[in-house]
Amino acid sequence: MRIRHKKNECIGCALCEQEAPEYFTMDEEGMATLLDFVQQGVFQQGQGLEVDRAKLTRATEGCPVNIIHVD
């Protein structure tokens, strides 16, 4: 499954890292970044495993600025 994250709109709440630490980390500026990503326009894009869908869904639904998309 594809994960897209719009880092430039991150507010640094760290919920994504708490819910899915295999996919997200906080950078030196306190903003979330997707691990193992390719930059595609404004999105960081990576791949997620189907077994991790529940945690990625929690990160997506919990993001207060709606910048994480999983499809």
PDB file of N, CA and C in Angstrom:
ATOM      1  N   MET A   1       0.834  -1.167   0.000  1.00  0.00           N
ATOM      2  CA  MET A   1       0.000   0.000   0.000  1.00  0.00           C
ATOM      3  C   MET A   1       0.882   1.235   0.000  1.00  0.00           C
ATOM      4  N   ARG A   2       0.368   2.307  -0.541  1.00  0.00           N
ATOM      5  CA  ARG A   2       1.140   3.547  -0.675  1.00  0.00           C
ATOM      6  C   ARG A   2       0.842   4.475   0.504  1.00  0.00           C
ATOM      7  N   ILE A   3       1.901   5.079   1.039  1.00  0.00           N
ATOM      8  CA  ILE A   3       1.781   6.077   2.104  1.00  0.00           C
ATOM      9  C   ILE A   3       2.274   7.396   1.532  1.00  0.00           C
ATOM     10  N   ARG A   4       1.478   8.449   1.720  1.00  0.00           N
ATOM     11  CA  ARG A   4       1.902   9.785   1.310  1.00  0.00           C
ATOM     12  C   ARG A   4       1.825  10.709   2.519  1.00  0.00           C
ATOM     13  N   HIS A   5       2.853  11.523   2.694  1.00  0.00           N
ATOM     14  CA  HIS A   5       2.953  12.421   3.847  1.00  0.00           C
ATOM     15  C   HIS A   5       3.423  13.789   3.364  1.00  0.00           C
ATOM     16  N   LYS A   6       2.697  14.826   3.749  1.00  0.00           N
ATOM     17  CA  LYS A   6       3.016  16.192   3.330  1.00  0.00           C
ATOM     18  C   LYS A   6       3.794  16.871   4.464  1.00  0.00           C
ATOM     19  N   LYS A   7       5.088  16.603   4.512  1.00  0.00           N
ATOM     20  CA  LYS A   7       5.929  17.062   5.621  1.00  0.00           C
ATOM     21  C   LYS A   7       5.888  18.574   5.824  1.00  0.00           C
ATOM     22  N   ASN A   8       5.837  19.346   4.775  1.00  0.00           N
ATOM     23  CA  ASN A   8       5.907  20.804   4.918  1.00  0.00           C
ATOM     24  C   ASN A   8       4.705  21.390   5.652  1.00  0.00           C
ATOM     25  N   GLU A   9       3.658  20.592   5.887  1.00  0.00           N
ATOM     26  CA  GLU A   9       2.499  21.061   6.646  1.00  0.00           C
ATOM     27  C   GLU A   9       2.419  20.432   8.037  1.00  0.00           C
ATOM     28  N   CYS A  10       3.428  19.682   8.426  1.00  0.00           N
ATOM     29  CA  CYS A  10       3.464  19.026   9.729  1.00  0.00           C
ATOM     30  C   CYS A  10       3.531  20.067  10.851  1.00  0.00           C
ATOM     31  N   ILE A  11       2.813  19.784  11.959  1.00  0.00           N
ATOM     32  CA  ILE A  11       2.854  20.673  13.127  1.00  0.00           C
ATOM     33  C   ILE A  11       3.634  20.049  14.286  1.00  0.00           C
ATOM     34  N   GLY A  12       4.161  18.834  14.093  1.00  0.00           N
ATOM     35  CA  GLY A  12       5.026  18.216  15.091  1.00  0.00           C
ATOM     36  C   GLY A  12       4.320  17.583  16.276  1.00  0.00           C
ATOM     37  N   CYS A  13       3.097  17.106  16.110  1.00  0.00           N
ATOM     38  CA  CYS A  13       2.370  16.503  17.236  1.00  0.00           C
ATOM     39  C   CYS A  13       2.915  15.129  17.618  1.00  0.00           C
ATOM     40  N   ALA A  14       3.593  14.451  16.715  1.00  0.00           N
ATOM     41  CA  ALA A  14       4.254  13.153  16.933  1.00  0.00           C
ATOM     42  C   ALA A  14       3.303  11.967  17.033  1.00  0.00           C
ATOM     43  N   LEU A  15       2.026  12.152  16.754  1.00  0.00           N
ATOM     44  CA  LEU A  15       1.093  11.032  16.815  1.00  0.00           C
ATOM     45  C   LEU A  15       1.460   9.943  15.813  1.00  0.00           C
ATOM     46  N   CYS A  16       1.859  10.319  14.612  1.00  0.00           N
ATOM     47  CA  CYS A  16       2.205   9.319  13.591  1.00  0.00           C
ATOM     48  C   CYS A  16       3.380   8.457  14.043  1.00  0.00           C
ATOM     49  N   GLU A  17       4.362   9.073  14.665  1.00  0.00           N
ATOM     50  CA  GLU A  17       5.510   8.309  15.159  1.00  0.00           C
ATOM     51  C   GLU A  17       5.088   7.375  16.286  1.00  0.00           C
ATOM     52  N   GLN A  18       4.186   7.817  17.133  1.00  0.00           N
ATOM     53  CA  GLN A  18       3.691   6.966  18.223  1.00  0.00           C
ATOM     54  C   GLN A  18       2.903   5.781  17.687  1.00  0.00           C
ATOM     55  N   GLU A  19       2.073   6.012  16.686  1.00  0.00           N
ATOM     56  CA  GLU A  19       1.224   4.953  16.131  1.00  0.00           C
ATOM     57  C   GLU A  19       1.968   4.022  15.175  1.00  0.00           C
ATOM     58  N   ALA A  20       2.905   4.551  14.415  1.00  0.00           N
ATOM     59  CA  ALA A  20       3.587   3.758  13.386  1.00  0.00           C
ATOM     60  C   ALA A  20       5.078   4.095  13.333  1.00  0.00           C
ATOM     61  N   PRO A  21       5.830   3.758  14.385  1.00  0.00           N
ATOM     62  CA  PRO A  21       7.253   4.118  14.425  1.00  0.00           C
ATOM     63  C   PRO A  21       8.102   3.434  13.355  1.00  0.00           C
ATOM     64  N   GLU A  22       7.573   2.380  12.748  1.00  0.00           N
ATOM     65  CA  GLU A  22       8.297   1.718  11.661  1.00  0.00           C
ATOM     66  C   GLU A  22       8.285   2.566  10.390  1.00  0.00           C
ATOM     67  N   TYR A  23       7.397   3.564  10.346  1.00  0.00           N
ATOM     68  CA  TYR A  23       7.207   4.371   9.148  1.00  0.00           C
ATOM     69  C   TYR A  23       7.513   5.855   9.333  1.00  0.00           C
ATOM     70  N   PHE A  24       7.391   6.351  10.574  1.00  0.00           N
ATOM     71  CA  PHE A  24       7.579   7.779  10.825  1.00  0.00           C
ATOM     72  C   PHE A  24       8.592   8.017  11.936  1.00  0.00           C
ATOM     73  N   THR A  25       9.324   9.117  11.812  1.00  0.00           N
ATOM     74  CA  THR A  25      10.238   9.555  12.860  1.00  0.00           C
ATOM     75  C   THR A  25      10.178  11.080  12.921  1.00  0.00           C
ATOM     76  N   MET A  26      10.584  11.615  14.042  1.00  0.00           N
ATOM     77  CA  MET A  26      10.626  13.067  14.188  1.00  0.00           C
ATOM     78  C   MET A  26      12.039  13.524  13.834  1.00  0.00           C
ATOM     79  N   ASP A  27      12.139  14.560  13.002  1.00  0.00           N
ATOM     80  CA  ASP A  27      13.449  15.052  12.590  1.00  0.00           C
ATOM     81  C   ASP A  27      14.025  16.003  13.638  1.00  0.00           C
ATOM     82  N   GLU A  28      15.197  16.554  13.362  1.00  0.00           N
ATOM     83  CA  GLU A  28      15.893  17.428  14.308  1.00  0.00           C
ATOM     84  C   GLU A  28      15.133  18.720  14.588  1.00  0.00           C
ATOM     85  N   GLU A  29      14.176  19.062  13.728  1.00  0.00           N
ATOM     86  CA  GLU A  29      13.357  20.262  13.934  1.00  0.00           C
ATOM     87  C   GLU A  29      12.029  19.948  14.627  1.00  0.00           C
ATOM     88  N   GLY A  30      11.833  18.671  14.989  1.00  0.00           N
ATOM     89  CA  GLY A  30      10.610  18.268  15.674  1.00  0.00           C
ATOM     90  C   GLY A  30       9.432  18.023  14.762  1.00  0.00           C
ATOM     91  N   MET A  31       9.693  17.829  13.473  1.00  0.00           N
ATOM     92  CA  MET A  31       8.633  17.557  12.509  1.00  0.00           C
ATOM     93  C   MET A  31       8.714  16.102  12.053  1.00  0.00           C
ATOM     94  N   ALA A  32       7.563  15.520  11.758  1.00  0.00           N
ATOM     95  CA  ALA A  32       7.530  14.124  11.324  1.00  0.00           C
ATOM     96  C   ALA A  32       8.068  13.993   9.912  1.00  0.00           C
ATOM     97  N   THR A  33       8.748  12.895   9.687  1.00  0.00           N
ATOM     98  CA  THR A  33       9.219  12.563   8.346  1.00  0.00           C
ATOM     99  C   THR A  33       8.957  11.079   8.114  1.00  0.00           C
ATOM    100  N   LEU A  34       8.606  10.741   6.907  1.00  0.00           N
ATOM    101  CA  LEU A  34       8.364   9.359   6.521  1.00  0.00           C
ATOM    102  C   LEU A  34       9.712   8.686   6.286  1.00  0.00           C
ATOM    103  N   LEU A  35       9.882   7.510   6.841  1.00  0.00           N
ATOM    104  CA  LEU A  35      11.115   6.757   6.619  1.00  0.00           C
ATOM    105  C   LEU A  35      11.072   6.108   5.237  1.00  0.00           C
ATOM    106  N   ASP A  36      12.211   5.950   4.602  1.00  0.00           N
ATOM    107  CA  ASP A  36      12.321   5.291   3.294  1.00  0.00           C
ATOM    108  C   ASP A  36      11.321   5.865   2.293  1.00  0.00           C
ATOM    109  N   PHE A  37      11.453   7.141   2.004  1.00  0.00           N
ATOM    110  CA  PHE A  37      10.514   7.804   1.102  1.00  0.00           C
ATOM    111  C   PHE A  37      11.196   8.297  -0.158  1.00  0.00           C
ATOM    112  N   VAL A  38      10.369   8.590  -1.140  1.00  0.00           N
ATOM    113  CA  VAL A  38      10.756   9.259  -2.369  1.00  0.00           C
ATOM    114  C   VAL A  38       9.918  10.527  -2.422  1.00  0.00           C
ATOM    115  N   GLN A  39      10.536  11.656  -2.728  1.00  0.00           N
ATOM    116  CA  GLN A  39       9.796  12.913  -2.818  1.00  0.00           C
ATOM    117  C   GLN A  39       9.016  12.941  -4.125  1.00  0.00           C
ATOM    118  N   GLN A  40       7.705  13.140  -4.040  1.00  0.00           N
ATOM    119  CA  GLN A  40       6.820  13.231  -5.198  1.00  0.00           C
ATOM    120  C   GLN A  40       6.036  14.533  -5.081  1.00  0.00           C
ATOM    121  N   GLY A  41       6.527  15.594  -5.660  1.00  0.00           N
ATOM    122  CA  GLY A  41       5.883  16.902  -5.511  1.00  0.00           C
ATOM    123  C   GLY A  41       5.953  17.342  -4.056  1.00  0.00           C
ATOM    124  N   VAL A  42       4.806  17.655  -3.458  1.00  0.00           N
ATOM    125  CA  VAL A  42       4.782  18.089  -2.057  1.00  0.00           C
ATOM    126  C   VAL A  42       4.749  16.916  -1.084  1.00  0.00           C
ATOM    127  N   PHE A  43       4.610  15.687  -1.600  1.00  0.00           N
ATOM    128  CA  PHE A  43       4.489  14.516  -0.743  1.00  0.00           C
ATOM    129  C   PHE A  43       5.782  13.723  -0.629  1.00  0.00           C
ATOM    130  N   GLN A  44       6.032  13.211   0.585  1.00  0.00           N
ATOM    131  CA  GLN A  44       6.979  12.120   0.770  1.00  0.00           C
ATOM    132  C   GLN A  44       6.147  10.871   0.513  1.00  0.00           C
ATOM    133  N   GLN A  45       6.645   9.967  -0.304  1.00  0.00           N
ATOM    134  CA  GLN A  45       5.880   8.774  -0.633  1.00  0.00           C
ATOM    135  C   GLN A  45       6.683   7.531  -0.305  1.00  0.00           C
ATOM    136  N   GLY A  46       6.037   6.562   0.336  1.00  0.00           N
ATOM    137  CA  GLY A  46       6.683   5.312   0.679  1.00  0.00           C
ATOM    138  C   GLY A  46       5.703   4.158   0.571  1.00  0.00           C
ATOM    139  N   GLN A  47       6.181   2.991   0.915  1.00  0.00           N
ATOM    140  CA  GLN A  47       5.361   1.783   0.851  1.00  0.00           C
ATOM    141  C   GLN A  47       5.116   1.234   2.252  1.00  0.00           C
ATOM    142  N   GLY A  48       3.899   0.794   2.482  1.00  0.00           N
ATOM    143  CA  GLY A  48       3.542   0.177   3.746  1.00  0.00           C
ATOM    144  C   GLY A  48       3.141  -1.269   3.545  1.00  0.00           C
ATOM    145  N   LEU A  49       3.283  -2.051   4.588  1.00  0.00           N
ATOM    146  CA  LEU A  49       2.888  -3.457   4.538  1.00  0.00           C
ATOM    147  C   LEU A  49       1.431  -3.596   4.959  1.00  0.00           C
ATOM    148  N   GLU A  50       0.727  -4.500   4.327  1.00  0.00           N
ATOM    149  CA  GLU A  50      -0.684  -4.728   4.643  1.00  0.00           C
ATOM    150  C   GLU A  50      -0.871  -5.087   6.121  1.00  0.00           C
ATOM    151  N   VAL A  51       0.068  -5.801   6.691  1.00  0.00           N
ATOM    152  CA  VAL A  51      -0.021  -6.182   8.096  1.00  0.00           C
ATOM    153  C   VAL A  51      -0.020  -4.956   9.024  1.00  0.00           C
ATOM    154  N   ASP A  52       0.482  -3.833   8.544  1.00  0.00           N
ATOM    155  CA  ASP A  52       0.546  -2.602   9.336  1.00  0.00           C
ATOM    156  C   ASP A  52      -0.601  -1.633   9.029  1.00  0.00           C
ATOM    157  N   ARG A  53      -1.590  -2.073   8.275  1.00  0.00           N
ATOM    158  CA  ARG A  53      -2.682  -1.179   7.870  1.00  0.00           C
ATOM    159  C   ARG A  53      -3.390  -0.542   9.062  1.00  0.00           C
ATOM    160  N   ALA A  54      -3.644  -1.284  10.118  1.00  0.00           N
ATOM    161  CA  ALA A  54      -4.376  -0.738  11.271  1.00  0.00           C
ATOM    162  C   ALA A  54      -3.605   0.411  11.913  1.00  0.00           C
ATOM    163  N   LYS A  55      -2.312   0.243  12.127  1.00  0.00           N
ATOM    164  CA  LYS A  55      -1.540   1.323  12.759  1.00  0.00           C
ATOM    165  C   LYS A  55      -1.393   2.525  11.833  1.00  0.00           C
ATOM    166  N   LEU A  56      -1.261   2.277  10.525  1.00  0.00           N
ATOM    167  CA  LEU A  56      -1.185   3.382   9.581  1.00  0.00           C
ATOM    168  C   LEU A  56      -2.526   4.117   9.484  1.00  0.00           C
ATOM    169  N   THR A  57      -3.613   3.387   9.601  1.00  0.00           N
ATOM    170  CA  THR A  57      -4.941   4.009   9.620  1.00  0.00           C
ATOM    171  C   THR A  57      -5.102   4.879  10.858  1.00  0.00           C
ATOM    172  N   ARG A  58      -4.641   4.398  12.009  1.00  0.00           N
ATOM    173  CA  ARG A  58      -4.711   5.213  13.227  1.00  0.00           C
ATOM    174  C   ARG A  58      -3.889   6.492  13.071  1.00  0.00           C
ATOM    175  N   ALA A  59      -2.720   6.393  12.475  1.00  0.00           N
ATOM    176  CA  ALA A  59      -1.891   7.580  12.247  1.00  0.00           C
ATOM    177  C   ALA A  59      -2.584   8.541  11.287  1.00  0.00           C
ATOM    178  N   THR A  60      -3.185   8.013  10.236  1.00  0.00           N
ATOM    179  CA  THR A  60      -3.882   8.834   9.254  1.00  0.00           C
ATOM    180  C   THR A  60      -5.086   9.535   9.875  1.00  0.00           C
ATOM    181  N   GLU A  61      -5.910   8.769  10.557  1.00  0.00           N
ATOM    182  CA  GLU A  61      -7.130   9.330  11.136  1.00  0.00           C
ATOM    183  C   GLU A  61      -6.849  10.256  12.317  1.00  0.00           C
ATOM    184  N   GLY A  62      -5.742  10.033  13.003  1.00  0.00           N
ATOM    185  CA  GLY A  62      -5.408  10.865  14.161  1.00  0.00           C
ATOM    186  C   GLY A  62      -4.645  12.126  13.837  1.00  0.00           C
ATOM    187  N   CYS A  63      -4.117  12.228  12.630  1.00  0.00           N
ATOM    188  CA  CYS A  63      -3.331  13.400  12.260  1.00  0.00           C
ATOM    189  C   CYS A  63      -4.213  14.651  12.301  1.00  0.00           C
ATOM    190  N   PRO A  64      -3.891  15.620  13.158  1.00  0.00           N
ATOM    191  CA  PRO A  64      -4.752  16.802  13.306  1.00  0.00           C
ATOM    192  C   PRO A  64      -4.760  17.734  12.099  1.00  0.00           C
ATOM    193  N   VAL A  65      -3.795  17.604  11.210  1.00  0.00           N
ATOM    194  CA  VAL A  65      -3.756  18.471  10.029  1.00  0.00           C
ATOM    195  C   VAL A  65      -3.989  17.693   8.724  1.00  0.00           C
ATOM    196  N   ASN A  66      -4.349  16.407   8.841  1.00  0.00           N
ATOM    197  CA  ASN A  66      -4.751  15.592   7.695  1.00  0.00           C
ATOM    198  C   ASN A  66      -3.725  15.589   6.562  1.00  0.00           C
ATOM    199  N   ILE A  67      -2.464  15.303   6.906  1.00  0.00           N
ATOM    200  CA  ILE A  67      -1.405  15.314   5.885  1.00  0.00           C
ATOM    201  C   ILE A  67      -0.850  13.930   5.567  1.00  0.00           C
ATOM    202  N   ILE A  68      -1.476  12.890   6.129  1.00  0.00           N
ATOM    203  CA  ILE A  68      -1.064  11.511   5.863  1.00  0.00           C
ATOM    204  C   ILE A  68      -2.180  10.832   5.090  1.00  0.00           C
ATOM    205  N   HIS A  69      -1.804  10.157   4.007  1.00  0.00           N
ATOM    206  CA  HIS A  69      -2.783   9.446   3.186  1.00  0.00           C
ATOM    207  C   HIS A  69      -2.254   8.040   2.927  1.00  0.00           C
ATOM    208  N   VAL A  70      -3.123   7.050   3.084  1.00  0.00           N
ATOM    209  CA  VAL A  70      -2.765   5.656   2.832  1.00  0.00           C
ATOM    210  C   VAL A  70      -3.769   5.093   1.840  1.00  0.00           C
ATOM    211  N   ASP A  71      -3.262   4.540   0.747  1.00  0.00           N
ATOM    212  CA  ASP A  71      -4.138   3.898  -0.234  1.00  0.00           C
ATOM    213  C   ASP A  71      -3.429   2.767  -0.924  1.00  0.00           C
TER     214      ASP A  71
END
